[in-house]
N, C-alpha and C. Protein backbone atom coordinates (compact mmCIF):
# COMPACT_ATOMS: atom_id res chain seq x y z
N UNK A 1 -12.92 28.92 75.92
CA UNK A 1 -13.14 27.61 76.48
C UNK A 1 -11.68 26.92 77.04
N UNK A 2 -11.89 26.22 77.97
CA UNK A 2 -10.78 25.51 78.56
C UNK A 2 -10.91 23.95 78.57
N UNK A 3 -10.18 23.30 78.39
CA UNK A 3 -10.18 21.84 78.49
C UNK A 3 -8.91 21.45 79.34
N UNK A 4 -9.26 20.63 80.41
CA UNK A 4 -8.49 20.04 81.30
C UNK A 4 -8.62 18.64 81.62
N UNK A 5 -7.59 17.70 81.61
CA UNK A 5 -7.57 16.27 81.96
C UNK A 5 -6.94 16.05 83.25
N UNK A 6 -7.64 15.00 83.81
CA UNK A 6 -7.32 14.48 85.23
C UNK A 6 -7.43 12.91 85.11
N UNK A 7 -6.85 12.36 86.16
CA UNK A 7 -7.15 10.95 86.25
C UNK A 7 -7.65 10.74 87.62
N UNK A 8 -8.84 10.04 87.69
CA UNK A 8 -9.37 9.83 89.14
C UNK A 8 -9.19 8.34 89.31
N UNK A 9 -8.86 7.97 90.49
CA UNK A 9 -8.56 6.60 90.94
C UNK A 9 -9.79 6.08 91.77
N UNK A 10 -9.99 4.98 91.70
CA UNK A 10 -11.07 4.07 92.57
C UNK A 10 -12.46 3.94 91.91
N UNK A 11 -12.59 4.52 90.58
CA UNK A 11 -13.88 4.27 89.96
C UNK A 11 -13.91 2.88 89.28
N UNK A 12 -14.86 2.19 89.60
CA UNK A 12 -15.41 0.84 89.13
C UNK A 12 -16.46 0.53 88.31
N UNK A 13 -17.37 1.66 88.33
CA UNK A 13 -18.64 1.07 87.69
C UNK A 13 -19.49 2.63 87.21
N UNK A 14 -20.26 2.41 86.42
CA UNK A 14 -21.09 3.63 85.81
C UNK A 14 -21.59 4.46 86.93
N UNK A 15 -21.93 3.82 88.05
CA UNK A 15 -22.51 4.76 89.41
C UNK A 15 -21.38 5.71 89.59
N UNK A 16 -20.03 5.10 89.59
CA UNK A 16 -18.72 5.96 90.14
C UNK A 16 -18.79 7.07 89.05
N UNK A 17 -19.09 6.70 87.86
CA UNK A 17 -18.81 7.72 86.84
C UNK A 17 -19.75 8.83 86.99
N UNK A 18 -21.13 8.58 87.22
CA UNK A 18 -22.17 9.41 87.35
C UNK A 18 -21.98 10.30 88.66
N UNK A 19 -21.45 9.68 89.69
CA UNK A 19 -21.30 10.65 90.69
C UNK A 19 -19.94 11.58 90.61
N UNK A 20 -19.01 11.29 89.80
CA UNK A 20 -17.86 12.11 89.50
C UNK A 20 -18.40 13.16 88.56
N UNK A 21 -19.05 12.91 87.36
CA UNK A 21 -19.60 13.49 86.62
C UNK A 21 -20.46 14.80 87.07
N UNK A 22 -21.31 14.43 88.09
CA UNK A 22 -22.33 15.24 88.74
C UNK A 22 -21.42 16.19 89.70
N UNK A 23 -20.69 15.87 90.49
CA UNK A 23 -20.09 16.65 91.47
C UNK A 23 -19.03 17.79 90.67
N UNK A 24 -18.24 17.09 89.69
CA UNK A 24 -17.53 18.02 88.93
C UNK A 24 -18.44 19.07 88.07
N UNK A 25 -19.48 18.59 87.64
CA UNK A 25 -20.47 19.48 86.88
C UNK A 25 -21.00 20.31 87.62
N UNK A 26 -20.97 20.35 89.16
CA UNK A 26 -21.53 21.56 89.79
C UNK A 26 -20.35 22.72 89.89
N UNK A 27 -19.26 22.55 89.56
CA UNK A 27 -18.40 23.71 89.70
C UNK A 27 -18.64 24.99 88.75
N UNK A 28 -18.68 26.01 89.15
CA UNK A 28 -19.02 27.30 88.44
C UNK A 28 -18.25 27.38 87.04
N UNK A 29 -18.86 27.43 85.88
CA UNK A 29 -18.27 27.60 84.67
C UNK A 29 -17.88 26.06 84.03
N UNK A 30 -18.17 25.17 84.46
CA UNK A 30 -17.99 23.84 83.78
C UNK A 30 -19.17 23.49 83.10
N UNK A 31 -18.98 23.14 81.59
CA UNK A 31 -19.84 23.13 80.46
C UNK A 31 -20.09 21.59 80.22
N UNK A 32 -18.92 20.77 80.45
CA UNK A 32 -19.00 19.28 79.96
C UNK A 32 -18.00 18.54 80.89
N UNK A 33 -18.43 17.50 81.18
CA UNK A 33 -17.49 16.41 81.75
C UNK A 33 -17.50 15.14 81.07
N UNK A 34 -16.51 14.58 80.72
CA UNK A 34 -16.49 13.27 80.07
C UNK A 34 -15.45 12.25 80.76
N UNK A 35 -15.98 11.24 81.00
CA UNK A 35 -15.07 10.24 82.05
C UNK A 35 -14.87 8.87 81.31
N UNK A 36 -13.66 8.55 81.15
CA UNK A 36 -13.44 7.16 80.63
C UNK A 36 -13.19 6.21 81.53
N UNK A 37 -14.04 5.40 81.91
CA UNK A 37 -14.05 4.51 83.24
C UNK A 37 -12.98 3.49 83.04
N UNK A 38 -12.66 2.95 82.12
CA UNK A 38 -11.53 1.97 82.09
C UNK A 38 -9.97 2.49 82.32
N UNK A 39 -9.88 3.78 82.14
CA UNK A 39 -8.57 4.40 82.21
C UNK A 39 -8.70 5.57 83.47
N UNK A 40 -9.96 5.71 83.89
CA UNK A 40 -9.83 6.67 85.03
C UNK A 40 -9.77 8.34 84.54
N UNK A 41 -9.76 8.36 83.22
CA UNK A 41 -9.44 9.61 82.56
C UNK A 41 -10.71 10.49 82.53
N UNK A 42 -10.57 11.79 83.01
CA UNK A 42 -11.77 12.74 83.17
C UNK A 42 -11.31 14.04 82.47
N UNK A 43 -12.13 14.45 81.24
CA UNK A 43 -11.86 15.66 80.56
C UNK A 43 -12.96 16.63 81.13
N UNK A 44 -12.64 17.79 81.39
CA UNK A 44 -13.56 18.91 81.88
C UNK A 44 -13.29 19.99 80.82
N UNK A 45 -14.44 20.37 80.37
CA UNK A 45 -14.57 21.46 79.45
C UNK A 45 -15.23 22.74 80.36
N UNK A 46 -14.54 23.76 80.25
CA UNK A 46 -15.24 24.82 81.01
C UNK A 46 -15.07 26.19 80.36
N UNK A 47 -15.61 27.26 80.97
CA UNK A 47 -15.64 28.63 80.39
C UNK A 47 -14.13 29.20 80.62
N UNK A 48 -13.59 28.96 81.72
CA UNK A 48 -12.34 29.40 82.00
C UNK A 48 -11.43 28.34 82.60
N UNK A 49 -10.19 28.67 82.99
CA UNK A 49 -9.38 27.71 83.48
C UNK A 49 -10.05 27.20 84.85
N UNK A 50 -9.92 26.13 85.27
CA UNK A 50 -10.43 25.78 86.71
C UNK A 50 -9.22 25.45 87.72
N UNK A 51 -9.61 25.79 88.95
CA UNK A 51 -8.67 25.79 89.99
C UNK A 51 -8.52 24.33 90.29
N UNK A 52 -7.38 23.52 90.29
CA UNK A 52 -7.36 22.07 90.40
C UNK A 52 -7.94 21.69 92.01
N UNK A 53 -7.80 22.64 92.75
CA UNK A 53 -8.16 22.38 94.25
C UNK A 53 -9.71 22.20 94.14
N UNK A 54 -10.22 22.87 93.42
CA UNK A 54 -11.91 22.79 93.36
C UNK A 54 -12.16 21.46 92.68
N UNK A 55 -11.49 21.10 91.57
CA UNK A 55 -11.88 19.70 91.02
C UNK A 55 -11.47 18.60 92.02
N UNK A 56 -10.15 18.72 92.71
CA UNK A 56 -10.07 17.83 93.56
C UNK A 56 -11.09 17.57 94.66
N UNK A 57 -11.37 18.73 95.28
CA UNK A 57 -12.50 18.62 96.35
C UNK A 57 -13.81 18.19 95.77
N UNK A 58 -14.31 18.19 94.52
CA UNK A 58 -15.46 17.75 93.84
C UNK A 58 -15.31 16.40 93.82
N UNK A 59 -14.10 15.69 93.23
CA UNK A 59 -13.91 14.49 93.14
C UNK A 59 -13.97 13.74 94.51
N UNK A 60 -13.35 14.32 95.47
CA UNK A 60 -13.28 13.93 96.97
C UNK A 60 -14.93 13.77 97.57
N UNK A 61 -15.59 14.77 97.19
CA UNK A 61 -17.02 14.75 97.62
C UNK A 61 -17.70 13.60 97.05
N UNK A 62 -17.24 13.30 95.70
CA UNK A 62 -17.77 11.87 95.13
C UNK A 62 -17.51 10.81 95.75
N UNK A 63 -16.29 10.73 96.39
CA UNK A 63 -15.81 9.48 97.17
C UNK A 63 -14.56 9.09 96.41
N UNK A 64 -14.05 9.67 95.57
CA UNK A 64 -12.87 9.35 94.86
C UNK A 64 -11.62 10.33 94.95
N UNK A 65 -10.53 10.01 94.15
CA UNK A 65 -9.30 10.87 94.54
C UNK A 65 -8.69 11.13 93.16
N UNK A 66 -8.15 12.44 93.03
CA UNK A 66 -7.39 12.72 91.78
C UNK A 66 -6.02 12.15 91.93
N UNK A 67 -5.46 11.58 90.85
CA UNK A 67 -4.12 10.97 91.06
C UNK A 67 -3.06 12.08 90.85
N UNK A 68 -2.08 11.80 91.46
CA UNK A 68 -0.99 12.96 91.50
C UNK A 68 -1.12 14.12 92.43
């Protein structure tokens, strides 16, 4: 298992959290996605290390942006 943390900017409500969780959750190998709305912290548990570009694309598809 692999655990990666990211910061997503622009989320303001639970709908935002649901959108980000859904899009990241569709990446192959992702087992769990945890989002902390107040900080924008997103923790992704996966069966193997993830390519950050795929995570960035999933977050963009949800309408948000990875910090950094």
